[in-house]
Amino acid sequence: MQSMPVGHVIANVLDERLSCAERYVVTGDKDLVLVICMHDMEEFEAFQTEFCTDNPMISRFTTSVVVDPAKVGLAVPETT
């Protein structure tokens, strides 16, 4: 029996967190992309410590912070 990929295991755990707005299991040099919503950097740092730094399933992670939400949403314009 094959085990579930780590990205899927972590994603399933994150589904229980309200702060995890979106999650994507992806191909390439990353396994998982998260979109999380926090009230402030203190809350983010606690999340990062709990789910990334102290998580033995995560060997490496990178962080990006949105400073200017240029376009928000997944709406695709209709074509005629």
Protein backbone atom coordinates (compact mmCIF):
# COMPACT_ATOMS: atom_id res chain seq x y z
CA MET A 1 0.00 0.00 0.00
CA GLN A 2 1.42 3.40 -1.01
CA SER A 3 1.51 6.25 1.47
CA MET A 4 -0.05 9.61 0.71
CA PRO A 5 2.41 12.27 -0.58
CA VAL A 6 3.59 14.67 2.13
CA GLY A 7 1.96 17.62 0.36
CA HIS A 8 -1.42 15.91 0.60
CA VAL A 9 -0.93 14.98 4.27
CA ILE A 10 -0.06 18.56 5.20
CA ALA A 11 -2.88 19.91 3.04
CA ASN A 12 -5.42 17.73 4.83
CA VAL A 13 -4.24 19.04 8.21
CA LEU A 14 -4.45 22.63 6.98
CA ASP A 15 -8.04 22.18 5.81
CA GLU A 16 -9.02 22.42 9.48
CA ARG A 17 -7.45 25.89 9.86
CA LEU A 18 -9.58 28.92 9.10
CA SER A 19 -6.44 30.92 8.32
CA CYS A 20 -5.70 28.69 5.31
CA ALA A 21 -7.79 30.37 2.61
CA GLU A 22 -6.43 28.38 -0.34
CA ARG A 23 -4.06 25.47 -0.79
CA TYR A 24 -2.62 23.87 -3.90
CA VAL A 25 -0.62 20.66 -4.26
CA VAL A 26 1.68 21.53 -7.16
CA THR A 27 4.41 20.14 -9.38
CA GLY A 28 7.92 21.52 -9.72
CA ASP A 29 10.38 22.42 -6.99
CA LYS A 30 7.59 22.99 -4.44
CA ASP A 31 5.03 20.48 -3.16
CA LEU A 32 2.45 22.82 -1.73
CA VAL A 33 1.37 26.45 -2.15
CA LEU A 34 -0.70 28.05 0.61
CA VAL A 35 -2.64 31.28 0.68
CA ILE A 36 -3.15 32.16 4.32
CA CYS A 37 -4.87 35.14 5.91
CA MET A 38 -3.57 36.50 9.20
CA HIS A 39 -4.45 39.54 11.28
CA ASP A 40 -0.83 40.56 11.84
CA MET A 41 2.77 39.39 11.63
CA GLU A 42 2.68 38.01 15.18
CA GLU A 43 -0.12 35.63 14.19
CA PHE A 44 1.76 34.72 11.01
CA GLU A 45 4.97 33.98 12.91
CA ALA A 46 3.09 31.68 15.31
CA PHE A 47 1.55 29.84 12.34
CA GLN A 48 4.94 29.58 10.62
CA THR A 49 6.56 28.15 13.75
CA GLU A 50 3.77 25.64 14.38
CA PHE A 51 3.29 24.40 10.83
CA CYS A 52 6.68 24.93 9.19
CA THR A 53 9.61 25.33 11.57
CA ASP A 54 8.49 22.72 14.12
CA ASN A 55 7.00 20.29 11.58
CA PRO A 56 9.29 17.30 10.86
CA MET A 57 7.51 16.68 7.52
CA ILE A 58 8.69 20.07 6.20
CA SER A 59 12.37 20.25 5.32
CA ARG A 60 12.28 23.68 3.66
CA PHE A 61 9.85 26.51 3.07
CA THR A 62 9.77 30.00 1.61
CA THR A 63 7.52 32.92 2.41
CA SER A 64 6.10 35.76 0.35
CA VAL A 65 3.98 38.55 1.79
CA VAL A 66 1.51 40.51 -0.33
CA VAL A 67 2.20 44.23 -0.14
CA ASP A 68 -0.13 45.36 -2.94
CA PRO A 69 -3.01 43.07 -3.97
CA ALA A 70 -3.09 44.07 -7.64
CA LYS A 71 -5.85 41.62 -8.58
CA VAL A 72 -7.83 39.45 -6.19
CA GLY A 73 -10.12 36.61 -7.18
CA LEU A 74 -10.34 33.83 -9.68
CA ALA A 75 -13.03 35.25 -11.96
CA VAL A 76 -12.39 34.73 -15.66
CA PRO A 77 -14.07 37.17 -18.05
CA GLU A 78 -16.62 35.68 -20.43
CA THR A 79 -15.62 35.48 -24.04
CA THR A 80 -18.08 36.17 -26.81
